[in-house]
Amino acid sequence: MSYTQPSIEEIEARRAQLAPFDGWNERAFCQIVAWMGIPPSYLDLGSGTGAMVNVARKLGSNAYGVDLINGPEHWFIHHDLTTPLRTFEDYRQTFDLIT
């Protein structure tokens, strides 16, 4: 199976499909935080719309999301997860912006 880069229209359609689950994802993350505490750092692979990442950042966690459909904020890493991800090496500039 080969992978092709999705168009902007395909990405927006996927975002629209996932958006109804944002509330559920936010509540699930808050339940995890209530049970385990706020994680000092958080990496969400396949983060979709980034709902959990955004909640984690609001709570003070150093959180990043990796997906093709995330928002433009610097804590979202746009990456095709069908290819290897060497986070620090591939996205050094992104992390340098944060530190």
Protein backbone atom coordinates (compact mmCIF):
# COMPACT_ATOMS: atom_id res chain seq x y z
CA MET A 1 0.00 0.00 0.00
CA SER A 2 1.44 3.37 -0.94
CA TYR A 3 0.77 6.66 0.75
CA THR A 4 -0.13 9.90 -0.99
CA GLN A 5 -0.14 13.32 0.65
CA PRO A 6 -3.76 14.35 1.29
CA SER A 7 -5.10 17.57 -0.18
CA ILE A 8 -6.20 20.46 2.02
CA GLU A 9 -9.80 19.50 1.26
CA GLU A 10 -9.19 15.92 2.45
CA ILE A 11 -7.53 17.16 5.63
CA GLU A 12 -10.42 19.52 6.37
CA ALA A 13 -12.94 16.74 5.71
CA ARG A 14 -11.09 14.48 8.16
CA ARG A 15 -10.98 17.27 10.75
CA ALA A 16 -14.76 17.68 10.37
CA GLN A 17 -15.22 13.91 10.89
CA LEU A 18 -13.15 13.94 14.10
CA ALA A 19 -14.40 17.23 15.61
CA PRO A 20 -17.55 15.68 17.16
CA PHE A 21 -15.26 13.52 19.34
CA ASP A 22 -13.27 16.46 20.74
CA GLY A 23 -15.47 16.83 23.82
CA TRP A 24 -15.16 13.14 24.61
CA ASN A 25 -11.37 13.27 24.15
CA GLU A 26 -11.08 16.32 26.39
CA ARG A 27 -13.10 14.62 29.15
CA ALA A 28 -11.06 11.42 28.80
CA PHE A 29 -7.83 13.37 29.20
CA CYS A 30 -9.21 15.19 32.25
CA GLN A 31 -10.11 11.83 33.81
CA ILE A 32 -6.56 10.61 33.24
CA VAL A 33 -5.22 13.80 34.85
CA ALA A 34 -7.58 13.34 37.83
CA TRP A 35 -6.28 9.80 38.31
CA MET A 36 -2.55 10.27 37.54
CA GLY A 37 -1.93 14.01 37.79
CA ILE A 38 -0.79 16.46 35.14
CA PRO A 39 2.03 14.94 33.08
CA PRO A 40 5.11 17.17 32.82
CA SER A 41 5.29 16.26 29.12
CA TYR A 42 2.89 14.60 26.72
CA LEU A 43 3.24 13.33 23.14
CA ASP A 44 0.07 12.39 21.28
CA LEU A 45 0.80 10.35 18.14
CA GLY A 46 -2.13 10.45 15.75
CA SER A 47 -3.58 13.39 17.65
CA GLY A 48 -6.31 14.19 15.13
CA THR A 49 -7.72 17.63 15.89
CA GLY A 50 -5.41 17.98 18.89
CA ALA A 51 -8.12 18.17 21.56
CA MET A 52 -6.09 16.27 24.17
CA VAL A 53 -2.91 18.20 23.38
CA ASN A 54 -4.71 21.51 23.82
CA VAL A 55 -6.13 20.46 27.20
CA ALA A 56 -2.71 19.24 28.33
CA ARG A 57 -1.12 22.57 27.36
CA LYS A 58 -3.87 24.51 29.18
CA LEU A 59 -3.05 22.49 32.29
CA GLY A 60 0.65 23.34 32.00
CA SER A 61 2.03 20.21 30.35
CA ASN A 62 4.74 20.48 27.68
CA ALA A 63 2.52 18.75 25.12
CA TYR A 64 2.92 18.04 21.40
CA GLY A 65 0.66 16.41 18.84
CA VAL A 66 1.74 14.55 15.72
CA ASP A 67 -0.68 14.15 12.83
CA LEU A 68 -1.46 15.41 9.34
CA ILE A 69 -4.55 17.38 10.31
CA ASN A 70 -3.54 19.43 13.37
CA GLY A 71 -3.69 23.16 13.76
CA PRO A 72 -1.02 25.68 12.84
CA GLU A 73 0.33 26.14 16.37
CA HIS A 74 3.99 25.29 16.84
CA TRP A 75 3.19 22.42 19.22
CA PHE A 76 1.60 20.44 16.41
CA ILE A 77 4.02 18.45 14.28
CA HIS A 78 2.69 17.69 10.83
CA HIS A 79 3.98 14.24 9.93
CA ASP A 80 2.89 11.23 7.92
CA LEU A 81 2.77 8.50 10.55
CA THR A 82 3.23 5.81 7.90
CA THR A 83 6.90 6.88 7.84
CA PRO A 84 9.41 6.69 10.71
CA LEU A 85 9.36 9.55 13.18
CA ARG A 86 12.64 10.58 14.72
CA THR A 87 11.10 13.40 16.73
CA PHE A 88 14.08 15.34 17.98
CA GLU A 89 16.24 14.99 14.87
CA ASP A 90 13.41 15.70 12.43
CA TYR A 91 11.84 18.55 14.40
CA ARG A 92 14.76 20.16 16.22
CA GLN A 93 13.71 23.64 15.08
CA THR A 94 10.18 23.13 16.46
CA PHE A 95 11.55 22.14 19.86
CA ASP A 96 14.13 24.96 19.83
CA LEU A 97 11.22 27.42 19.53
CA ILE A 98 9.78 26.09 22.77
CA THR A 99 12.86 25.84 24.95
